Amino acid sequence: MSAHVEIFTKFACPFCYRAKALLDAKGVAYIERDASGGPAREDMLARSNGRTTVPQIFIDGHHVGGCDDLMALDASGKLDPMLAGH
């Protein structure tokens, strides 16, 4: 079983592209939500303890942070088990 991944992004955000590229390289399906405004932005702010930068990434409902946080999880070997739903 694979994890449910949700990523809040904005258009032309280089960190968003990097995070999505890593997920794509791992073959992970994810839901991308536009955090430019409206309900999606409000949802992101509420779920990420007010963090306003993008991307904000959630794996199985757990807030893992932004692009650098995702890259650090991958470098430490902790990302793959999370993506596998373990």
Protein backbone atom coordinates (compact mmCIF):
# COMPACT_ATOMS: atom_id res chain seq x y z
CA MET A 1 0.00 0.00 0.00
CA SER A 2 1.33 3.43 -0.88
CA ALA A 3 0.97 6.60 1.12
CA HIS A 4 -1.45 9.43 0.39
CA VAL A 5 0.71 12.41 -0.59
CA GLU A 6 -0.56 15.95 -0.87
CA ILE A 7 1.56 18.91 -1.94
CA PHE A 8 0.55 22.56 -1.81
CA THR A 9 2.28 24.56 -4.55
CA LYS A 10 2.28 27.85 -6.44
CA PHE A 11 2.94 28.46 -10.12
CA ALA A 12 6.60 28.97 -11.10
CA CYS A 13 7.94 27.98 -7.67
CA PRO A 14 11.37 26.34 -8.12
CA PHE A 15 11.18 24.56 -4.76
CA CYS A 16 7.79 23.13 -5.73
CA TYR A 17 9.29 21.82 -8.97
CA ARG A 18 12.18 20.19 -7.07
CA ALA A 19 9.87 18.50 -4.58
CA LYS A 20 7.56 17.23 -7.32
CA ALA A 21 10.55 16.02 -9.35
CA LEU A 22 11.74 13.92 -6.40
CA LEU A 23 8.28 12.43 -5.92
CA ASP A 24 7.97 11.81 -9.67
CA ALA A 25 11.38 10.10 -9.74
CA LYS A 26 10.18 7.77 -6.99
CA GLY A 27 6.99 7.02 -8.94
CA VAL A 28 4.79 8.50 -6.23
CA ALA A 29 1.29 9.66 -7.08
CA TYR A 30 0.34 12.86 -5.31
CA ILE A 31 -2.43 15.41 -5.16
CA GLU A 32 -1.24 18.90 -6.02
CA ARG A 33 -3.19 21.82 -4.59
CA ASP A 34 -2.75 25.44 -5.69
CA ALA A 35 -1.94 27.49 -2.59
CA SER A 36 -2.13 30.86 -4.36
CA GLY A 37 -5.30 31.73 -2.49
CA GLY A 38 -8.78 30.71 -1.51
CA PRO A 39 -9.78 27.59 0.41
CA ALA A 40 -6.65 25.60 -0.54
CA ARG A 41 -4.38 28.29 0.95
CA GLU A 42 -6.48 28.46 4.11
CA ASP A 43 -6.32 24.66 4.41
CA MET A 44 -2.53 24.72 3.97
CA LEU A 45 -2.08 27.43 6.62
CA ALA A 46 -4.27 25.59 9.10
CA ARG A 47 -2.60 22.23 8.59
CA SER A 48 1.01 23.48 8.46
CA ASN A 49 0.86 25.56 11.65
CA GLY A 50 0.76 28.80 9.68
CA ARG A 51 3.74 28.16 7.41
CA THR A 52 3.26 30.40 4.41
CA THR A 53 6.03 29.14 2.13
CA VAL A 54 5.49 26.56 -0.56
CA PRO A 55 5.65 23.75 -1.09
CA GLN A 56 4.06 22.29 2.01
CA ILE A 57 3.98 18.51 1.86
CA PHE A 58 1.81 16.03 3.73
CA ILE A 59 2.27 12.25 3.74
CA ASP A 60 -0.68 10.28 5.11
CA GLY A 61 -1.93 13.49 6.71
CA HIS A 62 1.37 14.11 8.51
CA HIS A 63 3.00 17.47 7.75
CA VAL A 64 6.57 16.79 6.65
CA GLY A 65 7.41 20.39 5.74
CA GLY A 66 8.79 21.92 2.58
CA CYS A 67 11.20 20.96 -0.17
CA ASP A 68 14.32 20.99 2.02
CA ASP A 69 12.56 18.85 4.60
CA LEU A 70 11.53 16.35 1.91
CA MET A 71 15.09 16.21 0.57
CA ALA A 72 16.46 15.69 4.09
CA LEU A 73 14.04 12.81 4.68
CA ASP A 74 15.22 11.24 1.42
CA ALA A 75 18.92 11.71 2.27
CA SER A 76 18.40 10.10 5.69
CA GLY A 77 16.61 7.08 4.20
CA LYS A 78 13.35 7.89 6.00
CA LEU A 79 11.32 9.01 2.99
CA ASP A 80 10.91 5.68 1.18
CA PRO A 81 9.32 3.90 4.18
CA MET A 82 6.94 6.84 4.64
CA LEU A 83 5.97 6.73 0.95
CA ALA A 84 5.41 2.99 1.18
CA GLY A 85 2.86 3.61 3.93
CA HIS A 86 4.95 2.11 6.74
